Amino acid sequence: MILPTTLIEEEDTLLRSGTYLLEILGEQMDITSLWKKTKEIQSIETFDRFTLGLVLLFCFGLVDMEENLMSPFGDKKSLAFRRREDIMKLL
């Protein structure tokens, strides 16, 4: 489901959903606005796939959220760019 296989086409993967989300998320916007812009895309079309695509992007450190605004590509404050020791201090 994350990557294509012989039974799952590329268009139906979460990686493709995340790609569409990144293309639309060119600047900061809230979740509601992002959902309104992406819900018509065949690869996304359900809120479940939308949220799973966002979770995948968060895991890869490609998006960041601060004060209810999403921004693409994260930043140096993102957990994906921190050292393990620094993350442990936050917990």
N, C-alpha and C. Protein backbone atom coordinates (compact mmCIF):
# COMPACT_ATOMS: atom_id res chain seq x y z
N MET A 1 0.81 -1.19 0.00
CA MET A 1 0.00 0.00 0.00
C MET A 1 0.86 1.27 0.00
N ILE A 2 2.04 1.19 0.60
CA ILE A 2 2.92 2.36 0.57
C ILE A 2 3.62 2.45 -0.78
N LEU A 3 4.12 1.32 -1.25
CA LEU A 3 4.82 1.25 -2.54
C LEU A 3 4.04 0.36 -3.50
N PRO A 4 4.22 0.56 -4.81
CA PRO A 4 3.52 -0.29 -5.78
C PRO A 4 4.07 -1.71 -5.78
N THR A 5 3.20 -2.64 -6.10
CA THR A 5 3.58 -4.04 -6.28
C THR A 5 2.96 -4.51 -7.58
N THR A 6 3.01 -5.81 -7.82
CA THR A 6 2.39 -6.33 -9.03
C THR A 6 0.87 -6.21 -8.96
N LEU A 7 0.30 -6.16 -7.75
CA LEU A 7 -1.15 -6.06 -7.59
C LEU A 7 -1.64 -4.65 -7.28
N ILE A 8 -0.74 -3.79 -6.83
CA ILE A 8 -1.11 -2.41 -6.47
C ILE A 8 -0.42 -1.45 -7.44
N GLU A 9 -1.23 -0.70 -8.17
CA GLU A 9 -0.68 0.25 -9.12
C GLU A 9 -0.10 1.46 -8.40
N GLU A 10 0.82 2.14 -9.08
CA GLU A 10 1.49 3.30 -8.49
C GLU A 10 0.48 4.37 -8.06
N GLU A 11 -0.56 4.55 -8.84
CA GLU A 11 -1.56 5.58 -8.55
C GLU A 11 -2.32 5.31 -7.25
N ASP A 12 -2.33 4.06 -6.79
CA ASP A 12 -3.07 3.67 -5.59
C ASP A 12 -2.21 3.60 -4.34
N THR A 13 -0.98 4.05 -4.40
CA THR A 13 -0.07 3.94 -3.25
C THR A 13 -0.10 5.22 -2.40
N LEU A 14 0.29 5.06 -1.16
CA LEU A 14 0.38 6.22 -0.27
C LEU A 14 1.52 7.14 -0.68
N LEU A 15 2.54 6.58 -1.28
CA LEU A 15 3.65 7.40 -1.77
C LEU A 15 3.15 8.39 -2.82
N ARG A 16 2.28 7.93 -3.71
CA ARG A 16 1.71 8.81 -4.74
C ARG A 16 0.79 9.86 -4.10
N SER A 17 0.00 9.44 -3.10
CA SER A 17 -0.86 10.39 -2.39
C SER A 17 -0.02 11.48 -1.74
N GLY A 18 1.08 11.08 -1.10
CA GLY A 18 1.98 12.05 -0.49
C GLY A 18 2.59 12.99 -1.50
N THR A 19 2.90 12.47 -2.68
CA THR A 19 3.45 13.30 -3.75
C THR A 19 2.47 14.39 -4.16
N TYR A 20 1.20 14.00 -4.33
CA TYR A 20 0.18 15.00 -4.68
C TYR A 20 0.03 16.04 -3.58
N LEU A 21 0.06 15.59 -2.33
CA LEU A 21 -0.06 16.53 -1.21
C LEU A 21 1.09 17.53 -1.21
N LEU A 22 2.30 17.05 -1.46
CA LEU A 22 3.46 17.96 -1.50
C LEU A 22 3.37 18.95 -2.66
N GLU A 23 2.85 18.49 -3.80
CA GLU A 23 2.71 19.39 -4.95
C GLU A 23 1.75 20.53 -4.65
N ILE A 24 0.67 20.22 -3.96
CA ILE A 24 -0.33 21.24 -3.65
C ILE A 24 0.11 22.11 -2.48
N LEU A 25 0.85 21.54 -1.56
CA LEU A 25 1.29 22.26 -0.37
C LEU A 25 2.56 23.05 -0.70
N GLY A 26 2.44 24.04 -1.55
CA GLY A 26 3.59 24.84 -1.94
C GLY A 26 3.94 25.91 -0.94
N GLU A 27 3.01 26.22 -0.06
CA GLU A 27 3.23 27.23 0.97
C GLU A 27 2.43 26.80 2.20
N GLN A 28 2.52 27.56 3.26
CA GLN A 28 1.79 27.21 4.47
C GLN A 28 0.28 27.29 4.23
N MET A 29 -0.44 26.29 4.73
CA MET A 29 -1.90 26.32 4.70
C MET A 29 -2.42 25.40 5.80
N ASP A 30 -3.67 25.61 6.17
CA ASP A 30 -4.23 24.76 7.21
C ASP A 30 -4.74 23.44 6.61
N ILE A 31 -5.02 22.49 7.48
CA ILE A 31 -5.42 21.14 7.04
C ILE A 31 -6.71 21.20 6.23
N THR A 32 -7.66 22.01 6.66
CA THR A 32 -8.95 22.10 5.96
C THR A 32 -8.77 22.58 4.53
N SER A 33 -7.96 23.59 4.33
CA SER A 33 -7.71 24.10 2.98
C SER A 33 -7.02 23.05 2.12
N LEU A 34 -6.06 22.36 2.70
CA LEU A 34 -5.35 21.31 1.95
C LEU A 34 -6.31 20.20 1.56
N TRP A 35 -7.20 19.79 2.47
CA TRP A 35 -8.18 18.74 2.17
C TRP A 35 -9.11 19.19 1.05
N LYS A 36 -9.58 20.42 1.08
CA LYS A 36 -10.49 20.92 0.05
C LYS A 36 -9.83 20.91 -1.33
N LYS A 37 -8.52 21.18 -1.37
CA LYS A 37 -7.81 21.21 -2.65
C LYS A 37 -7.47 19.81 -3.17
N THR A 38 -7.41 18.82 -2.28
CA THR A 38 -6.93 17.50 -2.71
C THR A 38 -8.00 16.42 -2.76
N LYS A 39 -9.18 16.65 -2.20
CA LYS A 39 -10.16 15.57 -2.09
C LYS A 39 -10.69 15.08 -3.44
N GLU A 40 -10.54 15.86 -4.49
CA GLU A 40 -11.01 15.45 -5.81
C GLU A 40 -9.98 14.61 -6.58
N ILE A 41 -8.76 14.53 -6.08
CA ILE A 41 -7.71 13.76 -6.75
C ILE A 41 -7.99 12.27 -6.55
N GLN A 42 -7.98 11.51 -7.62
CA GLN A 42 -8.35 10.09 -7.57
C GLN A 42 -7.46 9.30 -6.61
N SER A 43 -6.20 9.63 -6.54
CA SER A 43 -5.28 8.90 -5.68
C SER A 43 -5.56 9.16 -4.20
N ILE A 44 -6.25 10.25 -3.89
CA ILE A 44 -6.54 10.58 -2.49
C ILE A 44 -8.02 10.32 -2.20
N GLU A 45 -8.89 11.07 -2.72
CA GLU A 45 -10.35 11.03 -2.68
C GLU A 45 -11.04 10.64 -1.38
N THR A 46 -10.40 10.00 -0.41
CA THR A 46 -11.02 9.75 0.89
C THR A 46 -10.17 10.41 1.98
N PHE A 47 -10.83 10.77 3.07
CA PHE A 47 -10.11 11.42 4.16
C PHE A 47 -9.09 10.47 4.79
N ASP A 48 -9.38 9.17 4.79
CA ASP A 48 -8.43 8.19 5.32
C ASP A 48 -7.12 8.22 4.54
N ARG A 49 -7.22 8.19 3.22
CA ARG A 49 -6.00 8.21 2.40
C ARG A 49 -5.27 9.56 2.54
N PHE A 50 -6.05 10.63 2.70
CA PHE A 50 -5.47 11.95 2.92
C PHE A 50 -4.63 11.95 4.20
N THR A 51 -5.19 11.46 5.30
CA THR A 51 -4.45 11.46 6.56
C THR A 51 -3.28 10.49 6.53
N LEU A 52 -3.44 9.34 5.89
CA LEU A 52 -2.33 8.40 5.78
C LEU A 52 -1.19 8.98 4.95
N GLY A 53 -1.54 9.71 3.89
CA GLY A 53 -0.52 10.38 3.09
C GLY A 53 0.24 11.43 3.90
N LEU A 54 -0.49 12.18 4.74
CA LEU A 54 0.16 13.17 5.60
C LEU A 54 1.05 12.52 6.64
N VAL A 55 0.58 11.41 7.22
CA VAL A 55 1.39 10.69 8.20
C VAL A 55 2.69 10.22 7.57
N LEU A 56 2.61 9.70 6.36
CA LEU A 56 3.81 9.25 5.65
C LEU A 56 4.79 10.41 5.45
N LEU A 57 4.27 11.58 5.07
CA LEU A 57 5.13 12.75 4.87
C LEU A 57 5.75 13.21 6.18
N PHE A 58 4.98 13.15 7.28
CA PHE A 58 5.54 13.49 8.59
C PHE A 58 6.65 12.52 8.96
N CYS A 59 6.44 11.24 8.72
CA CYS A 59 7.46 10.23 9.05
C CYS A 59 8.75 10.46 8.27
N PHE A 60 8.63 10.90 7.03
CA PHE A 60 9.81 11.17 6.21
C PHE A 60 10.41 12.54 6.53
N GLY A 61 9.75 13.34 7.35
CA GLY A 61 10.24 14.67 7.68
C GLY A 61 10.08 15.67 6.55
N LEU A 62 9.11 15.44 5.67
CA LEU A 62 8.92 16.32 4.52
C LEU A 62 7.92 17.43 4.75
N VAL A 63 7.13 17.34 5.81
CA VAL A 63 6.20 18.41 6.15
C VAL A 63 6.32 18.71 7.64
N ASP A 64 5.90 19.89 8.00
CA ASP A 64 5.94 20.31 9.40
C ASP A 64 4.64 21.03 9.70
N MET A 65 4.22 20.99 10.93
CA MET A 65 3.00 21.69 11.33
C MET A 65 3.28 22.52 12.57
N GLU A 66 2.91 23.79 12.48
CA GLU A 66 3.10 24.69 13.60
C GLU A 66 1.94 25.68 13.61
N GLU A 67 1.30 25.82 14.76
CA GLU A 67 0.17 26.74 14.93
C GLU A 67 -0.92 26.48 13.90
N ASN A 68 -1.29 25.22 13.71
CA ASN A 68 -2.34 24.78 12.80
C ASN A 68 -2.05 25.06 11.32
N LEU A 69 -0.80 25.35 10.98
CA LEU A 69 -0.42 25.56 9.59
C LEU A 69 0.61 24.52 9.17
N MET A 70 0.36 23.89 8.04
CA MET A 70 1.30 22.92 7.49
C MET A 70 2.25 23.65 6.56
N SER A 71 3.50 23.24 6.57
CA SER A 71 4.46 23.80 5.63
C SER A 71 5.26 22.65 5.02
N PRO A 72 5.61 22.78 3.74
CA PRO A 72 6.33 21.70 3.06
C PRO A 72 7.79 21.60 3.47
N PHE A 73 8.32 20.41 3.36
CA PHE A 73 9.74 20.10 3.53
C PHE A 73 10.27 20.30 4.93
N GLY A 74 9.41 20.54 5.90
CA GLY A 74 9.86 20.65 7.28
C GLY A 74 10.90 21.75 7.44
N ASP A 75 11.65 21.68 8.49
CA ASP A 75 12.75 22.60 8.72
C ASP A 75 13.71 21.94 9.69
N LYS A 76 14.70 22.66 10.11
CA LYS A 76 15.71 22.08 11.00
C LYS A 76 15.14 21.75 12.38
N LYS A 77 13.96 22.29 12.71
CA LYS A 77 13.33 21.97 13.99
C LYS A 77 12.57 20.64 13.91
N SER A 78 12.35 20.14 12.71
CA SER A 78 11.61 18.90 12.53
C SER A 78 12.36 17.74 13.18
N LEU A 79 11.62 16.79 13.75
CA LEU A 79 12.24 15.65 14.41
C LEU A 79 13.11 14.84 13.46
N ALA A 80 12.78 14.85 12.18
CA ALA A 80 13.55 14.07 11.23
C ALA A 80 14.98 14.58 11.10
N PHE A 81 15.22 15.84 11.45
CA PHE A 81 16.54 16.42 11.31
C PHE A 81 17.29 16.54 12.63
N ARG A 82 16.70 16.03 13.70
CA ARG A 82 17.34 16.13 15.01
C ARG A 82 18.11 14.86 15.32
N ARG A 83 19.11 15.02 16.16
CA ARG A 83 19.86 13.87 16.63
C ARG A 83 19.05 13.16 17.70
N ARG A 84 19.31 11.89 17.88
CA ARG A 84 18.57 11.09 18.85
C ARG A 84 18.64 11.70 20.25
N GLU A 85 19.80 12.18 20.65
CA GLU A 85 19.97 12.76 21.98
C GLU A 85 19.07 13.98 22.18
N ASP A 86 18.95 14.80 21.15
CA ASP A 86 18.11 15.99 21.24
C ASP A 86 16.63 15.62 21.35
N ILE A 87 16.22 14.57 20.65
CA ILE A 87 14.83 14.12 20.72
C ILE A 87 14.53 13.59 22.11
N MET A 88 15.46 12.84 22.70
CA MET A 88 15.24 12.28 24.03
C MET A 88 15.09 13.38 25.07
N LYS A 89 15.74 14.51 24.89
CA LYS A 89 15.59 15.63 25.82
C LYS A 89 14.18 16.21 25.79
N LEU A 90 13.53 16.12 24.62
CA LEU A 90 12.18 16.65 24.49
C LEU A 90 11.14 15.78 25.18
N LEU A 91 11.44 14.51 25.35
CA LEU A 91 10.45 13.57 25.92
C LEU A 91 10.41 13.61 27.42
